[in-house]
Amino acid sequence: MDEITIGDVTVTRVKEFYGSLGMTPAEFLPESPDGAWDEHRGWLAPDFWDPETNECHAALQSWLIRSEGRTILVDTGVGNHKDRPYAAVWNRLDTAYLDNLAAAGVRPEDVDVVVNTHLHIDHVGWNTRLDGRTWVPTFPNATYLMPRPDFDFWNPAEAHDSVLGRGNQNVFEDSVAPVHEAGLARLWDGTYRIDRNLRLDPAPGHTPGSSVLTLESGGERALFVGDLVHTALQIVEPDTNSPYCEDPAGSRATRHKLLGQAADGRALLFPAHFGAQGAVRVERRGSKFAIARWAAFSPLS
């Protein structure tokens, strides 16, 4: 578990899973330019890619933010005991996520706000937990902020087609609908201000409602970008999408825009799935970007 301070705000990483995705670079980022993984092997291996097995590695984690006396949880991973028949790597997980949250000094009832940057399988799972045979909100005192365009898109009643096919099957029913039915969901559109330090804005492309959370405090900035960047190769090759983007052109445009904002505004970038390093400072390199430095996380005692 790691913690970093940004102005008057603390950010703590709460881990769910680190390891292999069981996918090669060609499967995980099929648009990767030829030779790109080998070219950048020096910093992709071993945290993002194991050259020996040719498998990509990633993290499932939440960002725990303490701001203005409130506890805010950004994205909630896959969750335990969830039936994911079309995503075998995430099927019926049994992790120590809640224990890791407790190690950060937070009980589920202490969480004031949950931010789902988008409503994919690996960002909403701990929204709910099993109580007997019923899915109930894990964080009973929280307001769950969900982007309305994603709520509408993933609602089975709307019958939208997705590039995931059945990859998001059961997710709305067990991890989104129970929160909404409990009256804890706040569906937002446009821009949503959480407090003086935190603001949500649309960042569509990966999904229709994908969003970015901007933190501004004490003259420092950070961007929590969800799946804008799945893996570090996309920083130096920003035109490279994963196969999970509903609007590929929109995803590329949003990635360029937000990487530019991070570079020009000296904002620390917090992607959802970066493992060992967690967060990164980026800089411009012509029409592309580069890693300026990794975040200086301090392990919790």
C-alpha atoms as a PDB file:
ATOM      1  CA  MET A   1       0.000   0.000   0.000  1.00  0.00           C
ATOM      2  CA  ASP A   2       1.334   3.436  -0.938  1.00  0.00           C
ATOM      3  CA  GLU A   3       0.420   7.025  -0.149  1.00  0.00           C
ATOM      4  CA  ILE A   4       1.221  10.391  -1.697  1.00  0.00           C
ATOM      5  CA  THR A   5       0.243  13.953  -0.761  1.00  0.00           C
ATOM      6  CA  ILE A   6      -0.958  16.460  -3.337  1.00  0.00           C
ATOM      7  CA  GLY A   7      -1.485  19.874  -1.770  1.00  0.00           C
ATOM      8  CA  ASP A   8      -3.849  19.307   1.154  1.00  0.00           C
ATOM      9  CA  VAL A   9      -5.112  15.993  -0.227  1.00  0.00           C
ATOM     10  CA  THR A  10      -3.761  12.496   0.388  1.00  0.00           C
ATOM     11  CA  VAL A  11      -4.027   9.694  -2.155  1.00  0.00           C
ATOM     12  CA  THR A  12      -3.629   6.065  -1.067  1.00  0.00           C
ATOM     13  CA  ARG A  13      -3.454   3.081  -3.373  1.00  0.00           C
ATOM     14  CA  VAL A  14      -5.685   0.144  -2.358  1.00  0.00           C
ATOM     15  CA  LYS A  15      -4.690  -3.018  -4.205  1.00  0.00           C
ATOM     16  CA  GLU A  16      -6.998  -5.765  -5.399  1.00  0.00           C
ATOM     17  CA  PHE A  17      -4.837  -7.703  -7.876  1.00  0.00           C
ATOM     18  CA  TYR A  18      -1.416  -7.417  -9.519  1.00  0.00           C
ATOM     19  CA  GLY A  19      -0.180  -9.832 -12.108  1.00  0.00           C
ATOM     20  CA  SER A  20      -0.467 -11.343 -15.558  1.00  0.00           C
ATOM     21  CA  LEU A  21      -3.540 -10.732 -17.686  1.00  0.00           C
ATOM     22  CA  GLY A  22      -2.844 -13.945 -19.617  1.00  0.00           C
ATOM     23  CA  MET A  23      -2.635 -11.819 -22.772  1.00  0.00           C
ATOM     24  CA  THR A  24       0.211 -11.077 -25.142  1.00  0.00           C
ATOM     25  CA  PRO A  25       0.939  -7.519 -26.289  1.00  0.00           C
ATOM     26  CA  ALA A  26      -0.655  -8.387 -29.624  1.00  0.00           C
ATOM     27  CA  GLU A  27      -3.866  -9.334 -27.798  1.00  0.00           C
ATOM     28  CA  PHE A  28      -3.860  -6.541 -25.216  1.00  0.00           C
ATOM     29  CA  LEU A  29      -2.862  -3.715 -27.580  1.00  0.00           C
ATOM     30  CA  PRO A  30      -3.286  -5.081 -31.113  1.00  0.00           C
ATOM     31  CA  GLU A  31      -2.690  -1.597 -32.565  1.00  0.00           C
ATOM     32  CA  SER A  32       0.832  -1.440 -31.109  1.00  0.00           C
ATOM     33  CA  PRO A  33       3.383  -0.347 -33.739  1.00  0.00           C
ATOM     34  CA  ASP A  34       5.712  -3.117 -34.863  1.00  0.00           C
ATOM     35  CA  GLY A  35       8.669  -3.421 -32.516  1.00  0.00           C
ATOM     36  CA  ALA A  36       7.325  -0.919 -29.980  1.00  0.00           C
ATOM     37  CA  TRP A  37       7.342  -3.287 -27.004  1.00  0.00           C
ATOM     38  CA  ASP A  38      10.947  -4.318 -27.653  1.00  0.00           C
ATOM     39  CA  GLU A  39      11.981  -0.719 -28.279  1.00  0.00           C
ATOM     40  CA  HIS A  40      10.696   0.296 -24.841  1.00  0.00           C
ATOM     41  CA  ARG A  41      11.548  -2.957 -23.061  1.00  0.00           C
ATOM     42  CA  GLY A  42      13.797  -1.086 -20.590  1.00  0.00           C
ATOM     43  CA  TRP A  43      10.857   0.417 -18.726  1.00  0.00           C
ATOM     44  CA  LEU A  44       7.978  -1.843 -19.819  1.00  0.00           C
ATOM     45  CA  ALA A  45       9.636  -4.926 -18.317  1.00  0.00           C
ATOM     46  CA  PRO A  46       8.887  -6.392 -15.877  1.00  0.00           C
ATOM     47  CA  ASP A  47       6.055  -4.235 -14.484  1.00  0.00           C
ATOM     48  CA  PHE A  48       3.964  -3.977 -17.654  1.00  0.00           C
ATOM     49  CA  TRP A  49       5.312  -6.866 -19.716  1.00  0.00           C
ATOM     50  CA  ASP A  50       7.204 -10.085 -19.033  1.00  0.00           C
ATOM     51  CA  PRO A  51       9.347 -10.729 -22.139  1.00  0.00           C
ATOM     52  CA  GLU A  52      10.027 -14.331 -21.080  1.00  0.00           C
ATOM     53  CA  THR A  53       6.356 -15.314 -21.057  1.00  0.00           C
ATOM     54  CA  ASN A  54       5.306 -12.538 -23.469  1.00  0.00           C
ATOM     55  CA  GLU A  55       2.399 -11.695 -21.137  1.00  0.00           C
ATOM     56  CA  CYS A  56       1.145  -8.258 -20.176  1.00  0.00           C
ATOM     57  CA  HIS A  57       0.833  -7.349 -16.509  1.00  0.00           C
ATOM     58  CA  ALA A  58      -1.606  -4.920 -14.907  1.00  0.00           C
ATOM     59  CA  ALA A  59      -3.096  -3.885 -11.595  1.00  0.00           C
ATOM     60  CA  LEU A  60      -6.599  -3.756 -10.245  1.00  0.00           C
ATOM     61  CA  GLN A  61      -6.752  -1.051  -7.602  1.00  0.00           C
ATOM     62  CA  SER A  62      -8.692   1.840  -6.148  1.00  0.00           C
ATOM     63  CA  TRP A  63      -7.432   5.324  -5.436  1.00  0.00           C
ATOM     64  CA  LEU A  64      -8.473   6.356  -1.917  1.00  0.00           C
ATOM     65  CA  ILE A  65      -8.634  10.144  -1.646  1.00  0.00           C
ATOM     66  CA  ARG A  66      -9.009  12.100   1.595  1.00  0.00           C
ATOM     67  CA  SER A  67     -10.183  15.622   0.807  1.00  0.00           C
ATOM     68  CA  GLU A  68     -11.909  18.243   2.963  1.00  0.00           C
ATOM     69  CA  GLY A  69     -12.694  15.712   5.667  1.00  0.00           C
ATOM     70  CA  ARG A  70     -14.306  13.192   3.334  1.00  0.00           C
ATOM     71  CA  THR A  71     -13.200   9.771   2.124  1.00  0.00           C
ATOM     72  CA  ILE A  72     -13.513   9.224  -1.639  1.00  0.00           C
ATOM     73  CA  LEU A  73     -12.874   5.949  -3.452  1.00  0.00           C
ATOM     74  CA  VAL A  74     -12.051   6.085  -7.171  1.00  0.00           C
ATOM     75  CA  ASP A  75     -12.999   2.894  -9.049  1.00  0.00           C
ATOM     76  CA  THR A  76     -13.747  -0.367  -7.280  1.00  0.00           C
ATOM     77  CA  GLY A  77     -12.091  -3.148  -9.263  1.00  0.00           C
ATOM     78  CA  VAL A  78     -13.671  -6.503 -10.067  1.00  0.00           C
ATOM     79  CA  GLY A  79     -15.061  -7.579  -6.698  1.00  0.00           C
ATOM     80  CA  ASN A  80     -15.359 -10.988  -5.091  1.00  0.00           C
ATOM     81  CA  HIS A  81     -17.581 -13.895  -6.121  1.00  0.00           C
ATOM     82  CA  LYS A  82     -18.780 -12.219  -9.318  1.00  0.00           C
ATOM     83  CA  ASP A  83     -19.816 -14.545 -12.159  1.00  0.00           C
ATOM     84  CA  ARG A  84     -17.863 -13.403 -15.215  1.00  0.00           C
ATOM     85  CA  PRO A  85     -18.263 -16.239 -17.738  1.00  0.00           C
ATOM     86  CA  TYR A  86     -16.789 -14.238 -20.622  1.00  0.00           C
ATOM     87  CA  ALA A  87     -13.845 -12.796 -18.671  1.00  0.00           C
ATOM     88  CA  ALA A  88     -12.166 -15.845 -17.173  1.00  0.00           C
ATOM     89  CA  VAL A  89      -9.310 -13.938 -15.516  1.00  0.00           C
ATOM     90  CA  TRP A  90     -11.870 -12.018 -13.409  1.00  0.00           C
ATOM     91  CA  ASN A  91     -14.331 -14.859 -12.792  1.00  0.00           C
ATOM     92  CA  ARG A  92     -15.295 -15.443  -9.134  1.00  0.00           C
ATOM     93  CA  LEU A  93     -12.276 -13.725  -7.622  1.00  0.00           C
ATOM     94  CA  ASP A  94     -11.604 -14.010  -3.903  1.00  0.00           C
ATOM     95  CA  THR A  95      -9.161 -11.264  -2.924  1.00  0.00           C
ATOM     96  CA  ALA A  96      -8.244  -9.397   0.254  1.00  0.00           C
ATOM     97  CA  TYR A  97      -9.440  -6.038  -1.081  1.00  0.00           C
ATOM     98  CA  LEU A  98     -11.514  -5.103   1.979  1.00  0.00           C
ATOM     99  CA  ASP A  99      -8.625  -6.088   4.239  1.00  0.00           C
ATOM    100  CA  ASN A 100      -6.360  -3.821   2.205  1.00  0.00           C
ATOM    101  CA  LEU A 101      -8.895  -1.019   2.574  1.00  0.00           C
ATOM    102  CA  ALA A 102      -8.939  -1.625   6.327  1.00  0.00           C
ATOM    103  CA  ALA A 103      -5.130  -1.452   6.368  1.00  0.00           C
ATOM    104  CA  ALA A 104      -5.507   2.075   5.011  1.00  0.00           C
ATOM    105  CA  GLY A 105      -7.704   2.863   8.011  1.00  0.00           C
ATOM    106  CA  VAL A 106     -11.040   2.755   6.198  1.00  0.00           C
ATOM    107  CA  ARG A 107     -14.096   0.598   6.855  1.00  0.00           C
ATOM    108  CA  PRO A 108     -16.784   0.309   4.144  1.00  0.00           C
ATOM    109  CA  GLU A 109     -19.140   2.490   6.176  1.00  0.00           C
ATOM    110  CA  ASP A 110     -16.476   5.250   6.312  1.00  0.00           C
ATOM    111  CA  VAL A 111     -16.547   5.884   2.560  1.00  0.00           C
ATOM    112  CA  ASP A 112     -18.440   9.071   1.672  1.00  0.00           C
ATOM    113  CA  VAL A 113     -18.151   9.059  -2.129  1.00  0.00           C
ATOM    114  CA  VAL A 114     -17.477   6.343  -4.715  1.00  0.00           C
ATOM    115  CA  VAL A 115     -16.401   7.490  -8.172  1.00  0.00           C
ATOM    116  CA  ASN A 116     -16.848   5.052 -11.053  1.00  0.00           C
ATOM    117  CA  THR A 117     -14.830   6.602 -13.876  1.00  0.00           C
ATOM    118  CA  HIS A 118     -16.787   4.309 -16.209  1.00  0.00           C
ATOM    119  CA  LEU A 119     -18.888   1.178 -15.833  1.00  0.00           C
ATOM    120  CA  HIS A 120     -16.644  -1.590 -17.153  1.00  0.00           C
ATOM    121  CA  ILE A 121     -16.296  -4.935 -15.397  1.00  0.00           C
ATOM    122  CA  ASP A 122     -13.041  -3.977 -13.619  1.00  0.00           C
ATOM    123  CA  HIS A 123     -14.139  -0.576 -12.296  1.00  0.00           C
ATOM    124  CA  VAL A 124     -17.400  -1.293 -10.481  1.00  0.00           C
ATOM    125  CA  GLY A 125     -17.066  -4.738  -8.893  1.00  0.00           C
ATOM    126  CA  TRP A 126     -16.697  -3.710  -5.253  1.00  0.00           C
ATOM    127  CA  ASN A 127     -19.684  -1.400  -5.599  1.00  0.00           C
ATOM    128  CA  THR A 128     -21.534  -4.390  -4.156  1.00  0.00           C
ATOM    129  CA  ARG A 129     -20.912  -7.459  -2.019  1.00  0.00           C
ATOM    130  CA  LEU A 130     -22.881 -10.613  -1.340  1.00  0.00           C
ATOM    131  CA  ASP A 131     -25.199 -10.621   1.667  1.00  0.00           C
ATOM    132  CA  GLY A 132     -26.463 -14.178   1.681  1.00  0.00           C
ATOM    133  CA  ARG A 133     -27.593 -14.507  -1.918  1.00  0.00           C
ATOM    134  CA  THR A 134     -28.277 -10.816  -2.509  1.00  0.00           C
ATOM    135  CA  TRP A 135     -25.961  -8.153  -3.912  1.00  0.00           C
ATOM    136  CA  VAL A 136     -25.984  -5.117  -1.620  1.00  0.00           C
ATOM    137  CA  PRO A 137     -23.963  -1.872  -1.686  1.00  0.00           C
ATOM    138  CA  THR A 138     -20.545  -2.408  -0.117  1.00  0.00           C
ATOM    139  CA  PHE A 139     -20.343   1.235   0.985  1.00  0.00           C
ATOM    140  CA  PRO A 140     -23.743   1.882   2.568  1.00  0.00           C
ATOM    141  CA  ASN A 141     -23.142   5.547   3.462  1.00  0.00           C
ATOM    142  CA  ALA A 142     -21.591   6.597   0.166  1.00  0.00           C
ATOM    143  CA  THR A 143     -22.912   8.518  -2.796  1.00  0.00           C
ATOM    144  CA  TYR A 144     -21.896   6.570  -5.907  1.00  0.00           C
ATOM    145  CA  LEU A 145     -21.100   8.904  -8.794  1.00  0.00           C
ATOM    146  CA  MET A 146     -21.782   7.224 -12.129  1.00  0.00           C
ATOM    147  CA  PRO A 147     -21.654   8.909 -15.545  1.00  0.00           C
ATOM    148  CA  ARG A 148     -25.155   8.933 -16.968  1.00  0.00           C
ATOM    149  CA  PRO A 149     -24.068   8.114 -20.561  1.00  0.00           C
ATOM    150  CA  ASP A 150     -22.462   4.893 -19.309  1.00  0.00           C
ATOM    151  CA  PHE A 151     -25.415   4.020 -17.097  1.00  0.00           C
ATOM    152  CA  ASP A 152     -27.697   4.303 -20.122  1.00  0.00           C
ATOM    153  CA  PHE A 153     -25.307   2.498 -22.466  1.00  0.00           C
ATOM    154  CA  TRP A 154     -24.755  -0.530 -20.205  1.00  0.00           C
ATOM    155  CA  ASN A 155     -28.349  -0.819 -19.044  1.00  0.00           C
ATOM    156  CA  PRO A 156     -29.539  -4.112 -20.634  1.00  0.00           C
ATOM    157  CA  ALA A 157     -32.938  -2.545 -21.182  1.00  0.00           C
ATOM    158  CA  GLU A 158     -31.355  -0.207 -23.738  1.00  0.00           C
ATOM    159  CA  ALA A 159     -29.955  -3.164 -25.755  1.00  0.00           C
ATOM    160  CA  HIS A 160     -26.851  -1.359 -27.027  1.00  0.00           C
ATOM    161  CA  ASP A 161     -24.237  -3.302 -28.972  1.00  0.00           C
ATOM    162  CA  SER A 162     -20.709  -3.183 -27.533  1.00  0.00           C
ATOM    163  CA  VAL A 163     -17.239  -4.018 -28.801  1.00  0.00           C
ATOM    164  CA  LEU A 164     -16.975  -6.224 -25.701  1.00  0.00           C
ATOM    165  CA  GLY A 165     -19.712  -8.529 -26.939  1.00  0.00           C
ATOM    166  CA  ARG A 166     -20.694 -10.371 -23.763  1.00  0.00           C
ATOM    167  CA  GLY A 167     -17.557  -9.285 -21.918  1.00  0.00           C
ATOM    168  CA  ASN A 168     -19.501  -7.035 -19.539  1.00  0.00           C
ATOM    169  CA  GLN A 169     -22.224  -9.627 -18.914  1.00  0.00           C
ATOM    170  CA  ASN A 170     -23.821  -9.551 -15.417  1.00  0.00           C
ATOM    171  CA  VAL A 171     -21.963  -6.364 -14.468  1.00  0.00           C
ATOM    172  CA  PHE A 172     -24.904  -3.977 -14.599  1.00  0.00           C
ATOM    173  CA  GLU A 173     -27.158  -6.436 -12.802  1.00  0.00           C
ATOM    174  CA  ASP A 174     -24.848  -7.265  -9.880  1.00  0.00           C
ATOM    175  CA  SER A 175     -22.666  -4.162  -9.516  1.00  0.00           C
ATOM    176  CA  VAL A 176     -24.654  -1.167 -10.800  1.00  0.00           C
ATOM    177  CA  ALA A 177     -28.390  -1.793 -10.515  1.00  0.00           C
ATOM    178  CA  PRO A 178     -28.328  -2.736  -6.788  1.00  0.00           C
ATOM    179  CA  VAL A 179     -26.680   0.599  -5.966  1.00  0.00           C
ATOM    180  CA  HIS A 180     -29.192   2.519  -8.060  1.00  0.00           C
ATOM    181  CA  GLU A 181     -32.115   0.628  -6.550  1.00  0.00           C
ATOM    182  CA  ALA A 182     -30.805   1.425  -3.054  1.00  0.00           C
ATOM    183  CA  GLY A 183     -30.985   5.132  -3.881  1.00  0.00           C
ATOM    184  CA  LEU A 184     -27.215   5.638  -3.542  1.00  0.00           C
ATOM    185  CA  ALA A 185     -26.356   6.364  -7.192  1.00  0.00           C
ATOM    186  CA  ARG A 186     -26.045   9.899  -8.503  1.00  0.00           C
ATOM    187  CA  LEU A 187     -26.012   9.958 -12.294  1.00  0.00           C
ATOM    188  CA  TRP A 188     -24.113  12.968 -13.567  1.00  0.00           C
ATOM    189  CA  ASP A 189     -23.552  14.516 -16.969  1.00  0.00           C
ATOM    190  CA  GLY A 190     -21.539  17.487 -18.139  1.00  0.00           C
ATOM    191  CA  THR A 191     -19.299  18.411 -15.199  1.00  0.00           C
ATOM    192  CA  TYR A 192     -19.642  17.447 -11.547  1.00  0.00           C
ATOM    193  CA  ARG A 193     -17.926  19.258  -8.675  1.00  0.00           C
ATOM    194  CA  ILE A 194     -17.267  16.999  -5.666  1.00  0.00           C
ATOM    195  CA  ASP A 195     -15.576  19.644  -3.518  1.00  0.00           C
ATOM    196  CA  ARG A 196     -13.153  22.555  -3.907  1.00  0.00           C
ATOM    197  CA  ASN A 197     -10.339  20.130  -4.785  1.00  0.00           C
ATOM    198  CA  LEU A 198     -12.082  17.560  -7.004  1.00  0.00           C
ATOM    199  CA  ARG A 199     -13.987  17.821 -10.291  1.00  0.00           C
ATOM    200  CA  LEU A 200     -15.330  15.216 -12.710  1.00  0.00           C
ATOM    201  CA  ASP A 201     -15.370  15.887 -16.462  1.00  0.00           C
ATOM    202  CA  PRO A 202     -16.370  13.779 -19.470  1.00  0.00           C
ATOM    203  CA  ALA A 203     -13.566  11.963 -21.310  1.00  0.00           C
ATOM    204  CA  PRO A 204     -15.523   9.867 -23.837  1.00  0.00           C
ATOM    205  CA  GLY A 205     -14.155   7.347 -26.290  1.00  0.00           C
ATOM    206  CA  HIS A 206     -13.210   4.301 -24.259  1.00  0.00           C
ATOM    207  CA  THR A 207     -16.867   4.193 -23.251  1.00  0.00           C
ATOM    208  CA  PRO A 208     -19.568   6.803 -23.930  1.00  0.00           C
ATOM    209  CA  GLY A 209     -19.404   8.019 -20.333  1.00  0.00           C
ATOM    210  CA  SER A 210     -15.717   7.627 -19.534  1.00  0.00           C
ATOM    211  CA  SER A 211     -14.610  10.422 -17.229  1.00  0.00           C
ATOM    212  CA  VAL A 212     -11.538  12.006 -15.681  1.00  0.00           C
ATOM    213  CA  LEU A 213     -11.246  13.222 -12.093  1.00  0.00           C
ATOM    214  CA  THR A 214      -9.143  16.362 -11.688  1.00  0.00           C
ATOM    215  CA  LEU A 215      -7.511  17.109  -8.331  1.00  0.00           C
ATOM    216  CA  GLU A 216      -6.251  20.654  -7.733  1.00  0.00           C
ATOM    217  CA  SER A 217      -4.889  21.609  -4.307  1.00  0.00           C
ATOM    218  CA  GLY A 218      -2.095  23.842  -3.043  1.00  0.00           C
ATOM    219  CA  GLY A 219      -0.926  24.667  -6.552  1.00  0.00           C
ATOM    220  CA  GLU A 220      -0.534  20.969  -7.442  1.00  0.00           C
ATOM    221  CA  ARG A 221      -2.596  18.943  -9.907  1.00  0.00           C
ATOM    222  CA  ALA A 222      -3.405  15.315 -10.625  1.00  0.00           C
ATOM    223  CA  LEU A 223      -5.590  13.566 -13.175  1.00  0.00           C
ATOM    224  CA  PHE A 224      -7.263  10.232 -12.423  1.00  0.00           C
ATOM    225  CA  VAL A 225      -7.866   8.970 -15.933  1.00  0.00           C
ATOM    226  CA  GLY A 226      -9.392   5.506 -15.572  1.00  0.00           C
ATOM    227  CA  ASP A 227      -8.706   3.543 -18.769  1.00  0.00           C
ATOM    228  CA  LEU A 228      -7.524   6.470 -20.877  1.00  0.00           C
ATOM    229  CA  VAL A 229      -4.150   4.728 -20.550  1.00  0.00           C
ATOM    230  CA  HIS A 230      -4.236   0.973 -19.890  1.00  0.00           C
ATOM    231  CA  THR A 231      -0.485   0.491 -19.984  1.00  0.00           C
ATOM    232  CA  ALA A 232       2.564   2.725 -20.188  1.00  0.00           C
ATOM    233  CA  LEU A 233       3.197   2.058 -23.892  1.00  0.00           C
ATOM    234  CA  GLN A 234       0.177   4.250 -24.662  1.00  0.00           C
ATOM    235  CA  ILE A 235       1.990   7.279 -23.241  1.00  0.00           C
ATOM    236  CA  VAL A 236       4.724   7.084 -25.875  1.00  0.00           C
ATOM    237  CA  GLU A 237       2.338   5.694 -28.534  1.00  0.00           C
ATOM    238  CA  PRO A 238      -0.860   7.681 -27.813  1.00  0.00           C
ATOM    239  CA  ASP A 239      -2.603   6.580 -31.023  1.00  0.00           C
ATOM    240  CA  THR A 240      -2.618   2.992 -29.751  1.00  0.00           C
ATOM    241  CA  ASN A 241      -5.991   1.824 -28.441  1.00  0.00           C
ATOM    242  CA  SER A 242      -6.938  -1.296 -26.582  1.00  0.00           C
ATOM    243  CA  PRO A 243      -9.617  -3.441 -28.246  1.00  0.00           C
ATOM    244  CA  TYR A 244     -12.065  -2.331 -25.536  1.00  0.00           C
ATOM    245  CA  CYS A 245     -12.762   1.187 -26.830  1.00  0.00           C
ATOM    246  CA  GLU A 246     -16.315   1.774 -28.001  1.00  0.00           C
ATOM    247  CA  ASP A 247     -15.265   4.801 -30.094  1.00  0.00           C
ATOM    248  CA  PRO A 248     -11.659   4.262 -31.236  1.00  0.00           C
ATOM    249  CA  ALA A 249     -11.259   7.682 -32.870  1.00  0.00           C
ATOM    250  CA  GLY A 250     -12.788   9.400 -29.850  1.00  0.00           C
ATOM    251  CA  SER A 251     -10.524   7.439 -27.530  1.00  0.00           C
ATOM    252  CA  ARG A 252      -7.392   8.538 -29.396  1.00  0.00           C
ATOM    253  CA  ALA A 253      -8.515  12.177 -29.411  1.00  0.00           C
ATOM    254  CA  THR A 254      -9.298  12.127 -25.689  1.00  0.00           C
ATOM    255  CA  ARG A 255      -5.973  10.449 -24.870  1.00  0.00           C
ATOM    256  CA  HIS A 256      -4.019  13.106 -26.787  1.00  0.00           C
ATOM    257  CA  LYS A 257      -6.018  15.886 -25.142  1.00  0.00           C
ATOM    258  CA  LEU A 258      -5.582  14.681 -21.570  1.00  0.00           C
ATOM    259  CA  LEU A 259      -1.933  13.679 -21.961  1.00  0.00           C
ATOM    260  CA  GLY A 260      -1.382  17.192 -23.299  1.00  0.00           C
ATOM    261  CA  GLN A 261      -3.166  18.686 -20.301  1.00  0.00           C
ATOM    262  CA  ALA A 262      -1.053  16.560 -17.965  1.00  0.00           C
ATOM    263  CA  ALA A 263       2.191  17.574 -19.668  1.00  0.00           C
ATOM    264  CA  ASP A 264       1.393  21.277 -20.019  1.00  0.00           C
ATOM    265  CA  GLY A 265      -0.145  21.597 -16.556  1.00  0.00           C
ATOM    266  CA  ARG A 266       2.500  19.464 -14.821  1.00  0.00           C
ATOM    267  CA  ALA A 267      -0.252  17.209 -13.503  1.00  0.00           C
ATOM    268  CA  LEU A 268       0.518  13.814 -12.039  1.00  0.00           C
ATOM    269  CA  LEU A 269      -1.259  11.102 -14.041  1.00  0.00           C
ATOM    270  CA  PHE A 270      -3.038   8.282 -12.169  1.00  0.00           C
ATOM    271  CA  PRO A 271      -4.139   5.556 -14.612  1.00  0.00           C
ATOM    272  CA  ALA A 272      -6.333   2.792 -13.239  1.00  0.00           C
ATOM    273  CA  HIS A 273      -4.123  -0.194 -14.007  1.00  0.00           C
ATOM    274  CA  PHE A 274      -0.484   0.826 -13.533  1.00  0.00           C
ATOM    275  CA  GLY A 275       1.238  -1.572 -11.168  1.00  0.00           C
ATOM    276  CA  ALA A 276       4.523  -0.930  -9.378  1.00  0.00           C
ATOM    277  CA  GLN A 277       4.873   2.745 -10.284  1.00  0.00           C
ATOM    278  CA  GLY A 278       1.206   3.660  -9.990  1.00  0.00           C
ATOM    279  CA  ALA A 279       1.382   7.261 -11.157  1.00  0.00           C
ATOM    280  CA  VAL A 280       3.536   9.178 -13.603  1.00  0.00           C
ATOM    281  CA  ARG A 281       4.577  12.639 -14.765  1.00  0.00           C
ATOM    282  CA  VAL A 282       4.557  13.013 -18.559  1.00  0.00           C
ATOM    283  CA  GLU A 283       6.166  15.473 -20.958  1.00  0.00           C
ATOM    284  CA  ARG A 284       5.766  16.311 -24.625  1.00  0.00           C
ATOM    285  CA  ARG A 285       8.042  14.810 -27.278  1.00  0.00           C
ATOM    286  CA  GLY A 286       6.949  16.386 -30.544  1.00  0.00           C
ATOM    287  CA  SER A 287       3.472  15.059 -31.372  1.00  0.00           C
ATOM    288  CA  LYS A 288       3.866  12.291 -28.800  1.00  0.00           C
ATOM    289  CA  PHE A 289       4.676  12.095 -25.115  1.00  0.00           C
ATOM    290  CA  ALA A 290       7.298  10.589 -22.831  1.00  0.00           C
ATOM    291  CA  ILE A 291       7.658   9.554 -19.220  1.00  0.00           C
ATOM    292  CA  ALA A 292       9.338  12.364 -17.301  1.00  0.00           C
ATOM    293  CA  ARG A 293       9.380  10.525 -13.966  1.00  0.00           C
ATOM    294  CA  TRP A 294       7.392   8.122 -11.842  1.00  0.00           C
ATOM    295  CA  ALA A 295       5.515   9.235  -8.725  1.00  0.00           C
ATOM    296  CA  ALA A 296       7.393   9.197  -5.438  1.00  0.00           C
ATOM    297  CA  PHE A 297       5.073   7.052  -3.366  1.00  0.00           C
ATOM    298  CA  SER A 298       5.904   6.562   0.315  1.00  0.00           C
ATOM    299  CA  PRO A 299       4.951   3.166   1.783  1.00  0.00           C
ATOM    300  CA  LEU A 300       2.542   3.372   4.717  1.00  0.00           C
ATOM    301  CA  SER A 301       3.921   2.327   8.084  1.00  0.00           C
END
